[in-house]
């Protein structure tokens, strides 16, 4: 009796805890009957959720299904989006990009930002058309980079001097005073020297180069290094290198005193080139001390003379023959006038790609009355009218070159100007790509056979880009 009671209690416990019984249907006629206890088979068949999970697990774990159905998913999630080049170093990736043809390098920079930055390192030449981009600060330079320590350069100069005592030409970057002194002592015949990253202390070393004739000093270069050459260095240079014939100062500072010292001590100086100079106001007046100076050249200068000063203090260079300005910014009319006054004796004037050269400023060139050669290239603001007025004032003009000056038109050439063209010994007329001089002088006597302008005693040359036009003009 006690055993039956225990079994009944156990069955009731299973019904209430593990597997609760299903509620009877009130419409069923058997609801009044005694409720039958649930068996394990009933529980298994009615619990379909668990059955579905078991069947799904059996299908996934079946080796037969794995052989029949190919795997469509990669073992690594999002494998298509993984950058496989991330493990490569920049140097190795640059070597790979260098092997690509030139047309394929530019599209490769669109892959990602890293490739775009590496593409910038591979650029060897660049044409800038938007100056606002340069001023935006998006350029990246590493300033004051020491590729080789100065001690290593000095040891190399010492070995070079002892091994090559007859050295005549040398270019040095980042040397010191002691290194140059060693070269000067070991190479007494040194004639040409180019110094980059130069400063005042370094110039003490070249004072021993007594036979030096050609010297180029590069001090301050924007974005690379910022050395300083001032009046102190220029004075040391002038007192030590008295036989200089050619001198180029790039990124150098200074003033009236430094240029005056060069003019007084270097009396054999014939050519002076100033590239991106940082001279103080009033330095231009010191050029009159360079009595034998024949060529004065300005390159990439943002200014010519900050403060010209009174004109009575501006003396002319008596022996000057050539004045060249290349890629300079001519901002101030007074400084340009002071320049022409100092170069009043010039016989050759060249303007090439100078920004700011307008008609009123160009008219000041009439101060130079002995001009025999004029070259204009990339002067897009100048007009034919101002050019004609200057040519009429230069009675000794023999050669004229006009290239890429879009406001100088063939249709504006007057008969008087075309007559002057016929008397020139050398003429190159290409103000724009469509310019052809013969079509603009139809109706004049120039170019006719038997004309008085084609005498044998005169050497008339028209340097056209198209030689067929030249032959047609001569045989017409």
Protein backbone atom coordinates (compact mmCIF):
# COMPACT_ATOMS: atom_id res chain seq x y z
CA UNK A 1 0.00 0.00 0.00
CA UNK A 2 2.78 2.36 0.79
CA UNK A 3 4.55 1.45 -2.51
CA UNK A 4 1.49 2.38 -4.63
CA UNK A 5 1.17 5.68 -2.85
CA UNK A 6 4.83 6.53 -3.55
CA UNK A 7 4.44 5.68 -7.27
CA UNK A 8 1.34 7.86 -7.51
CA UNK A 9 3.13 10.79 -5.92
CA UNK A 10 6.10 10.41 -8.31
CA UNK A 11 3.82 10.43 -11.36
CA UNK A 12 2.07 13.51 -10.06
CA UNK A 13 5.46 15.20 -9.56
CA UNK A 14 6.47 14.54 -13.21
CA UNK A 15 3.21 15.94 -14.44
CA UNK A 16 3.52 19.17 -12.49
CA UNK A 17 7.25 19.89 -12.89
CA UNK A 18 9.03 18.31 -15.84
CA UNK A 19 6.24 17.74 -18.32
CA UNK A 20 3.01 19.55 -17.53
CA UNK A 21 -0.09 17.89 -18.89
CA UNK A 22 -2.02 19.33 -21.79
CA UNK A 23 -5.26 21.05 -20.88
CA UNK A 24 -8.32 19.03 -21.81
CA UNK A 25 -10.62 20.27 -24.52
CA UNK A 26 -13.86 21.43 -22.93
CA UNK A 27 -15.78 20.18 -25.99
CA UNK A 28 -14.44 16.67 -25.63
CA UNK A 29 -16.92 14.07 -24.32
CA UNK A 30 -14.14 12.43 -22.38
CA UNK A 31 -13.45 15.38 -20.15
CA UNK A 32 -15.32 13.79 -17.35
CA UNK A 33 -13.17 10.72 -17.57
CA UNK A 34 -10.18 10.28 -15.44
CA UNK A 35 -7.16 12.02 -16.92
CA UNK A 36 -4.62 9.59 -18.41
CA UNK A 37 -0.98 10.09 -17.38
CA UNK A 38 1.40 11.39 -20.15
CA UNK A 39 3.92 8.91 -21.52
CA UNK A 40 7.45 9.59 -22.85
CA UNK A 41 6.34 9.00 -26.47
CA UNK A 42 3.60 11.59 -26.15
CA UNK A 43 5.98 14.13 -24.75
CA UNK A 44 8.54 13.49 -27.53
CA UNK A 45 6.05 13.80 -30.39
CA UNK A 46 4.32 16.85 -29.00
CA UNK A 47 7.55 18.81 -28.27
CA UNK A 48 8.30 19.52 -31.98
CA UNK A 49 10.63 22.45 -31.29
CA UNK A 50 13.29 20.29 -29.72
CA UNK A 51 12.88 17.76 -32.51
CA UNK A 52 13.56 20.37 -35.18
CA UNK A 53 16.78 21.45 -33.44
CA UNK A 54 18.02 17.87 -33.32
CA UNK A 55 17.30 17.26 -37.01
CA UNK A 56 19.04 20.51 -38.00
CA UNK A 57 22.12 19.60 -35.96
CA UNK A 58 22.26 16.19 -37.63
CA UNK A 59 22.11 17.77 -41.10
CA UNK A 60 24.89 20.26 -40.36
CA UNK A 61 27.15 17.63 -38.84
CA UNK A 62 26.66 15.05 -41.56
CA UNK A 63 29.93 14.41 -43.50
CA UNK A 64 27.88 13.22 -46.46
CA UNK A 65 26.30 16.64 -46.92
CA UNK A 66 29.73 18.27 -46.71
CA UNK A 67 30.93 16.24 -49.64
CA UNK A 68 27.89 16.96 -51.74
CA UNK A 69 27.48 20.70 -51.08
CA UNK A 70 30.47 23.01 -51.75
CA UNK A 71 31.39 25.65 -49.20
CA UNK A 72 30.23 29.06 -50.40
CA UNK A 73 31.60 31.10 -47.51
CA UNK A 74 35.24 31.99 -46.77
CA UNK A 75 36.86 30.91 -43.57
CA UNK A 76 37.79 34.57 -42.85
CA UNK A 77 34.74 36.85 -42.62
CA UNK A 78 34.75 39.89 -44.99
CA UNK A 79 37.83 38.54 -46.75
CA UNK A 80 37.07 40.66 -49.82
CA UNK A 81 37.50 43.87 -47.78
CA UNK A 82 40.86 42.92 -46.25
CA UNK A 83 43.81 45.06 -47.52
CA UNK A 84 46.39 42.47 -48.52
CA UNK A 85 49.06 45.19 -49.05
CA UNK A 86 48.88 46.38 -45.44
CA UNK A 87 51.69 44.01 -44.49
CA UNK A 88 54.06 45.59 -47.07
CA UNK A 89 56.34 48.43 -46.01
CA UNK A 90 56.25 51.80 -47.76
CA UNK A 91 59.67 51.22 -49.31
CA UNK A 92 58.68 47.87 -50.76
CA UNK A 93 55.37 49.18 -52.05
CA UNK A 94 57.11 52.14 -53.70
CA UNK A 95 59.45 49.75 -55.51
CA UNK A 96 56.43 47.87 -56.80
CA UNK A 97 54.74 51.06 -57.99
CA UNK A 98 57.93 52.14 -59.75
CA UNK A 99 57.68 49.06 -61.94
CA UNK A 100 54.33 50.22 -63.32
CA UNK A 101 54.24 52.17 -66.58
CA UNK A 102 53.85 55.91 -66.22
CA UNK A 103 50.17 56.00 -67.40
CA UNK A 104 49.20 53.36 -64.80
CA UNK A 105 50.70 55.12 -61.78
CA UNK A 106 48.12 57.89 -61.57
CA UNK A 107 45.08 55.56 -61.45
CA UNK A 108 46.81 53.50 -58.75
CA UNK A 109 46.74 56.53 -56.45
CA UNK A 110 42.93 56.20 -56.26
CA UNK A 111 43.11 52.88 -54.40
CA UNK A 112 43.50 54.36 -50.92
CA UNK A 113 45.04 57.29 -49.06
CA UNK A 114 48.25 55.39 -48.44
CA UNK A 115 48.80 54.78 -52.14
CA UNK A 116 47.99 58.43 -52.81
CA UNK A 117 50.72 59.56 -50.40
CA UNK A 118 53.21 57.14 -51.93
CA UNK A 119 52.35 58.41 -55.39
CA UNK A 120 53.43 61.89 -54.29
CA UNK A 121 56.89 60.57 -53.45
CA UNK A 122 57.30 59.22 -56.97
CA UNK A 123 56.68 62.59 -58.65
CA UNK A 124 59.79 63.94 -60.37
CA UNK A 125 58.30 66.92 -62.22
CA UNK A 126 55.30 69.09 -61.44
CA UNK A 127 53.47 71.90 -63.22
CA UNK A 128 51.53 74.15 -60.86
CA UNK A 129 48.57 76.06 -62.29
CA UNK A 130 46.77 76.96 -59.07
CA UNK A 131 48.80 79.07 -56.65
CA UNK A 132 46.00 78.91 -54.09
CA UNK A 133 46.76 75.22 -53.67
CA UNK A 134 50.34 76.02 -52.69
CA UNK A 135 49.20 78.65 -50.22
CA UNK A 136 46.65 76.33 -48.64
CA UNK A 137 49.31 74.58 -46.59
CA UNK A 138 48.66 71.13 -47.99
CA UNK A 139 52.27 70.71 -49.03
CA UNK A 140 54.46 68.55 -46.84
CA UNK A 141 58.19 69.13 -46.51
CA UNK A 142 60.75 67.90 -44.04
CA UNK A 143 62.84 70.88 -43.07
CA UNK A 144 66.44 70.78 -41.92
CA UNK A 145 66.93 67.16 -42.86
CA UNK A 146 70.48 65.91 -42.23
CA UNK A 147 71.03 63.17 -44.76
CA UNK A 148 74.75 62.92 -43.94
CA UNK A 149 76.39 64.31 -40.78
CA UNK A 150 78.83 67.17 -41.28
CA UNK A 151 81.70 65.13 -39.84
CA UNK A 152 81.26 62.52 -42.54
CA UNK A 153 81.28 65.22 -45.23
CA UNK A 154 84.48 66.72 -43.80
CA UNK A 155 86.23 63.34 -43.80
CA UNK A 156 85.18 62.83 -47.38
CA UNK A 157 86.53 66.24 -48.36
CA UNK A 158 89.83 65.43 -46.66
CA UNK A 159 90.18 62.20 -48.63
CA UNK A 160 89.10 63.97 -51.80
CA UNK A 161 91.66 66.74 -51.37
CA UNK A 162 94.54 64.36 -50.73
CA UNK A 163 93.57 62.10 -53.62
CA UNK A 164 92.73 64.79 -56.20
CA UNK A 165 95.16 67.68 -55.72
CA UNK A 166 94.47 69.01 -59.23
CA UNK A 167 90.73 69.35 -58.66
CA UNK A 168 89.21 72.34 -60.47
CA UNK A 169 85.45 72.02 -59.86
CA UNK A 170 83.60 70.96 -56.70
CA UNK A 171 80.03 70.88 -55.36
CA UNK A 172 79.51 70.41 -51.61
CA UNK A 173 76.37 70.14 -49.45
CA UNK A 174 76.49 70.50 -45.68
CA UNK A 175 80.24 70.92 -45.20
CA UNK A 176 81.95 72.84 -42.39
CA UNK A 177 84.67 75.45 -42.21
CA UNK A 178 87.41 72.90 -41.48
CA UNK A 179 86.39 70.70 -44.38
CA UNK A 180 86.63 73.55 -46.88
CA UNK A 181 89.96 74.69 -45.42
CA UNK A 182 91.35 71.23 -46.06
CA UNK A 183 90.19 71.29 -49.67
CA UNK A 184 91.61 74.79 -50.19
CA UNK A 185 95.01 73.70 -48.90
CA UNK A 186 95.15 70.43 -50.84
CA UNK A 187 93.63 71.76 -54.10
CA UNK A 188 95.31 75.08 -54.91
CA UNK A 189 94.03 75.02 -58.52
CA UNK A 190 90.34 74.91 -57.54
CA UNK A 191 88.47 77.34 -59.82
CA UNK A 192 84.74 76.51 -59.54
CA UNK A 193 82.94 75.90 -56.25
CA UNK A 194 79.24 75.41 -55.42
CA UNK A 195 78.18 75.40 -51.78
CA UNK A 196 74.71 74.36 -50.61
CA UNK A 197 73.40 74.94 -47.10
CA UNK A 198 75.93 77.72 -46.76
CA UNK A 199 76.32 80.17 -43.85
CA UNK A 200 78.66 82.91 -42.65
CA UNK A 201 80.96 80.57 -40.73
CA UNK A 202 81.35 78.28 -43.72
CA UNK A 203 82.57 81.17 -45.87
CA UNK A 204 85.65 81.52 -43.69
CA UNK A 205 86.84 78.25 -45.16
CA UNK A 206 86.87 79.43 -48.76
CA UNK A 207 88.99 82.47 -47.97
CA UNK A 208 92.02 80.26 -48.69
CA UNK A 209 90.79 79.52 -52.25
CA UNK A 210 92.89 82.22 -53.85
CA UNK A 211 92.39 81.02 -57.44
CA UNK A 212 88.61 80.65 -57.22
CA UNK A 213 86.87 82.23 -60.23
CA UNK A 214 83.31 80.84 -60.22
CA UNK A 215 81.32 80.61 -56.97
CA UNK A 216 77.70 79.72 -56.23
CA UNK A 217 76.28 80.06 -52.72
CA UNK A 218 72.91 78.51 -51.79
CA UNK A 219 71.81 79.56 -48.31
CA UNK A 220 68.06 79.54 -47.70
CA UNK A 221 65.80 77.22 -49.68
CA UNK A 222 62.13 77.26 -48.67
CA UNK A 223 61.08 73.90 -47.31
CA UNK A 224 64.56 72.34 -47.32
CA UNK A 225 66.99 74.27 -45.15
CA UNK A 226 67.30 77.76 -43.75
CA UNK A 227 70.93 78.86 -43.56
CA UNK A 228 71.92 82.52 -43.32
CA UNK A 229 74.47 84.40 -45.38
CA UNK A 230 74.61 88.05 -44.31
CA UNK A 231 76.92 91.03 -44.83
CA UNK A 232 79.49 89.33 -42.59
CA UNK A 233 79.78 86.35 -44.89
CA UNK A 234 79.77 88.50 -48.03
CA UNK A 235 82.61 90.62 -46.64
CA UNK A 236 84.66 87.53 -45.76
CA UNK A 237 84.01 86.21 -49.24
CA UNK A 238 85.05 89.46 -50.90
CA UNK A 239 88.30 89.72 -48.98
CA UNK A 240 89.30 86.09 -49.58
CA UNK A 241 88.24 85.47 -53.19
CA UNK A 242 89.53 88.53 -55.02
CA UNK A 243 89.77 86.78 -58.40
CA UNK A 244 86.09 85.98 -58.76
CA UNK A 245 84.66 86.36 -62.26
CA UNK A 246 81.19 84.86 -61.72
CA UNK A 247 79.18 84.96 -58.49
CA UNK A 248 75.71 83.56 -57.82
CA UNK A 249 73.89 84.25 -54.56
CA UNK A 250 70.80 82.12 -53.94
CA UNK A 251 68.63 82.75 -50.88
CA UNK A 252 71.25 85.04 -49.36
CA UNK A 253 70.65 88.04 -47.14
CA UNK A 254 72.71 91.20 -47.09
CA UNK A 255 72.55 94.91 -47.74
CA UNK A 256 74.48 97.83 -49.17
CA UNK A 257 77.65 97.02 -47.19
CA UNK A 258 77.97 93.43 -48.39
CA UNK A 259 77.50 94.25 -52.08
CA UNK A 260 79.84 97.23 -51.75
CA UNK A 261 82.57 95.00 -50.29
CA UNK A 262 82.22 92.61 -53.21
CA UNK A 263 82.45 95.46 -55.71
CA UNK A 264 85.53 96.97 -54.11
CA UNK A 265 87.48 93.74 -53.51
CA UNK A 266 86.40 91.58 -56.46
CA UNK A 267 87.38 93.95 -59.23
CA UNK A 268 87.44 91.17 -61.84
CA UNK A 269 83.77 90.29 -61.26
CA UNK A 270 81.89 90.28 -64.58
CA UNK A 271 78.69 88.34 -63.85
CA UNK A 272 76.42 88.56 -60.80
CA UNK A 273 73.30 86.40 -60.39
CA UNK A 274 70.77 86.90 -57.61
CA UNK A 275 68.29 84.06 -57.08
CA UNK A 276 65.43 84.53 -54.60
CA UNK A 277 67.46 87.09 -52.68
CA UNK A 278 66.60 88.47 -49.22
CA UNK A 279 68.51 91.74 -49.51
CA UNK A 280 67.60 94.72 -47.37
CA UNK A 281 66.53 98.05 -48.79
CA UNK A 282 69.18 100.20 -50.43
CA UNK A 283 71.41 97.39 -51.68
CA UNK A 284 70.85 98.29 -55.34
CA UNK A 285 72.88 101.49 -55.02
CA UNK A 286 75.98 99.42 -54.16
CA UNK A 287 76.08 97.89 -57.65
CA UNK A 288 77.82 101.01 -58.94
CA UNK A 289 80.96 99.82 -57.08
CA UNK A 290 81.12 96.81 -59.43
CA UNK A 291 82.96 98.73 -62.11
CA UNK A 292 83.65 95.76 -64.42
CA UNK A 293 80.27 94.06 -64.04
CA UNK A 294 78.90 93.09 -67.47
CA UNK A 295 75.95 90.80 -66.70
CA UNK A 296 73.32 91.25 -63.99
CA UNK A 297 70.78 88.44 -63.69
CA UNK A 298 67.73 88.06 -61.42
CA UNK A 299 66.05 84.66 -61.06
CA UNK A 300 62.90 83.79 -59.10
CA UNK A 301 63.10 86.95 -57.00
CA UNK A 302 59.99 88.00 -55.10
CA UNK A 303 61.30 91.55 -54.98
CA UNK A 304 64.00 93.58 -56.70
CA UNK A 305 64.57 96.46 -54.29
CA UNK A 306 62.40 96.82 -51.17
CA UNK A 307 63.36 100.47 -50.58
CA UNK A 308 64.95 102.11 -53.63
CA UNK A 309 65.91 105.29 -51.83
CA UNK A 310 66.61 108.69 -53.43
CA UNK A 311 67.52 108.59 -57.11
CA UNK A 312 70.53 110.87 -56.61
CA UNK A 313 72.26 108.04 -54.73
CA UNK A 314 71.76 105.55 -57.55
CA UNK A 315 74.87 105.28 -59.66
CA UNK A 316 75.02 103.36 -62.93
CA UNK A 317 77.27 100.39 -63.63
CA UNK A 318 79.53 101.78 -66.37
CA UNK A 319 80.48 98.45 -67.99
CA UNK A 320 77.10 96.69 -67.75
CA UNK A 321 75.97 95.08 -71.01
CA UNK A 322 73.26 92.53 -70.11
CA UNK A 323 70.23 92.67 -67.82
CA UNK A 324 68.22 89.44 -67.46
CA UNK A 325 65.09 88.92 -65.36
CA UNK A 326 63.64 85.41 -65.21
CA UNK A 327 60.52 84.40 -63.26
CA UNK A 328 60.63 87.49 -61.06
CA UNK A 329 57.78 89.34 -59.39
CA UNK A 330 57.86 92.99 -60.40
CA UNK A 331 55.53 94.48 -57.80
CA UNK A 332 56.85 98.01 -57.36
CA UNK A 333 57.21 100.55 -60.14
CA UNK A 334 59.78 102.57 -58.18
CA UNK A 335 62.09 99.58 -57.72
CA UNK A 336 61.93 98.78 -61.44
CA UNK A 337 62.77 102.38 -62.28
CA UNK A 338 65.75 102.24 -59.89
CA UNK A 339 66.90 99.03 -61.57
CA UNK A 340 66.82 100.60 -65.04
CA UNK A 341 68.72 103.62 -63.75
CA UNK A 342 71.50 101.42 -62.38
CA UNK A 343 71.53 99.45 -65.65
CA UNK A 344 71.26 102.48 -67.94
CA UNK A 345 74.24 101.29 -70.00
CA UNK A 346 72.72 97.87 -70.74
CA UNK A 347 72.67 96.80 -74.39
CA UNK A 348 70.79 93.53 -73.88
CA UNK A 349 67.50 93.25 -71.95
CA UNK A 350 65.68 89.97 -71.36
CA UNK A 351 62.30 89.49 -69.63
CA UNK A 352 61.18 85.89 -69.22
CA UNK A 353 57.99 84.86 -67.41
CA UNK A 354 58.00 87.88 -65.11
CA UNK A 355 54.84 88.46 -63.10
CA UNK A 356 53.51 92.01 -62.88
CA UNK A 357 55.32 93.48 -65.89
CA UNK A 358 52.72 95.89 -67.30
CA UNK A 359 52.86 98.61 -69.93
CA UNK A 360 53.65 101.55 -67.64
CA UNK A 361 56.42 99.59 -65.96
CA UNK A 362 57.87 98.41 -69.27
CA UNK A 363 58.00 101.96 -70.61
CA UNK A 364 60.64 102.71 -67.98
CA UNK A 365 63.06 100.63 -70.04
CA UNK A 366 63.46 103.68 -72.27
CA UNK A 367 66.00 104.87 -69.67
CA UNK A 368 68.37 102.37 -71.30
CA UNK A 369 69.05 104.11 -74.62
CA UNK A 370 71.76 101.82 -76.01
CA UNK A 371 69.71 98.62 -76.28
CA UNK A 372 70.63 96.41 -79.24
CA UNK A 373 68.89 93.18 -78.16
CA UNK A 374 65.43 92.72 -76.61
CA UNK A 375 63.81 89.42 -75.67
CA UNK A 376 60.27 89.07 -74.30
CA UNK A 377 58.89 85.68 -73.33
CA UNK A 378 55.76 84.99 -71.33
CA UNK A 379 54.91 88.68 -70.84
CA UNK A 380 51.16 88.31 -71.29
CA UNK A 381 50.18 91.86 -70.24
CA UNK A 382 52.33 93.86 -72.64
CA UNK A 383 50.70 95.25 -75.79
CA UNK A 384 51.94 96.04 -79.28
CA UNK A 385 51.58 99.78 -78.68
CA UNK A 386 54.08 99.99 -75.82
CA UNK A 387 56.46 97.66 -77.65
CA UNK A 388 56.40 99.91 -80.70
CA UNK A 389 57.05 103.03 -78.63
CA UNK A 390 60.15 101.46 -77.10
CA UNK A 391 61.46 100.11 -80.39
CA UNK A 392 61.15 103.57 -81.95
CA UNK A 393 63.22 105.04 -79.10
CA UNK A 394 66.02 102.48 -79.49
CA UNK A 395 67.88 103.58 -82.57
CA UNK A 396 70.56 100.88 -82.21
CA UNK A 397 68.21 97.88 -81.91
CA UNK A 398 69.42 94.93 -83.99
CA UNK A 399 67.71 91.83 -82.56
CA UNK A 400 64.18 91.22 -81.30
CA UNK A 401 62.52 88.11 -79.88
CA UNK A 402 58.86 88.05 -78.86
CA UNK A 403 57.48 84.68 -77.72
CA UNK A 404 54.25 83.80 -75.87
CA UNK A 405 53.01 87.37 -75.34
CA UNK A 406 49.31 86.97 -76.06
CA UNK A 407 48.37 90.68 -75.98
CA UNK A 408 50.87 91.53 -78.71
CA UNK A 409 48.84 91.04 -81.90
CA UNK A 410 49.87 90.85 -85.53
CA UNK A 411 46.96 93.06 -86.54
CA UNK A 412 48.33 95.90 -84.41
CA UNK A 413 51.64 96.08 -86.28
CA UNK A 414 51.88 99.43 -88.02
CA UNK A 415 53.74 100.04 -91.30
CA UNK A 416 56.39 101.94 -89.36
CA UNK A 417 56.99 98.97 -87.07
CA UNK A 418 57.11 96.53 -89.98
CA UNK A 419 59.70 98.74 -91.64
CA UNK A 420 61.84 98.59 -88.52
CA UNK A 421 61.45 94.81 -88.50
CA UNK A 422 62.96 94.67 -91.96
CA UNK A 423 66.13 96.39 -90.78
CA UNK A 424 66.79 94.00 -87.91
CA UNK A 425 69.56 91.45 -88.08
CA UNK A 426 67.61 88.91 -86.04
CA UNK A 427 63.87 88.60 -85.54
CA UNK A 428 61.88 85.89 -83.78
CA UNK A 429 58.18 86.74 -83.77
CA UNK A 430 55.91 84.21 -82.08
CA UNK A 431 53.70 86.16 -79.65
CA UNK A 432 51.15 83.33 -79.82
CA UNK A 433 50.70 80.01 -81.57
CA UNK A 434 48.63 81.56 -84.37
CA UNK A 435 51.00 84.39 -85.13
CA UNK A 436 52.55 84.50 -88.60
CA UNK A 437 54.38 87.69 -89.40
CA UNK A 438 54.13 87.53 -93.26
CA UNK A 439 50.32 87.64 -93.12
CA UNK A 440 50.42 90.77 -91.00
CA UNK A 441 52.66 92.83 -93.26
CA UNK A 442 50.82 92.34 -96.53
CA UNK A 443 50.83 95.60 -98.44
CA UNK A 444 54.21 96.75 -97.20
CA UNK A 445 57.43 96.62 -99.15
CA UNK A 446 58.87 94.03 -96.79
CA UNK A 447 59.41 90.64 -98.39
CA UNK A 448 59.19 91.74 -102.03
CA UNK A 449 61.87 90.56 -104.43
CA UNK A 450 64.32 93.30 -105.30
CA UNK A 451 63.30 95.39 -102.34
CA UNK A 452 65.78 97.75 -100.78
CA UNK A 453 65.39 95.80 -97.50
CA UNK A 454 67.17 92.72 -98.88
CA UNK A 455 70.62 94.05 -99.58
CA UNK A 456 73.51 91.60 -99.43
CA UNK A 457 75.34 93.76 -96.94
CA UNK A 458 72.67 93.11 -94.35
CA UNK A 459 72.14 89.87 -92.51
CA UNK A 460 68.36 89.57 -92.17
CA UNK A 461 67.17 86.47 -90.36
CA UNK A 462 63.66 85.57 -89.37
CA UNK A 463 63.69 82.81 -86.79
CA UNK A 464 60.24 81.34 -87.21
CA UNK A 465 59.19 78.07 -85.68
CA UNK A 466 57.94 76.93 -89.10
CA UNK A 467 60.80 76.90 -91.61
CA UNK A 468 58.39 76.71 -94.56
CA UNK A 469 57.11 80.18 -93.69
CA UNK A 470 60.68 81.46 -93.65
CA UNK A 471 61.48 80.00 -97.08
CA UNK A 472 58.25 81.35 -98.52
CA UNK A 473 59.10 84.82 -97.24
CA UNK A 474 62.63 84.78 -98.68
CA UNK A 475 61.67 83.51 -102.16
CA UNK A 476 58.56 85.62 -102.53
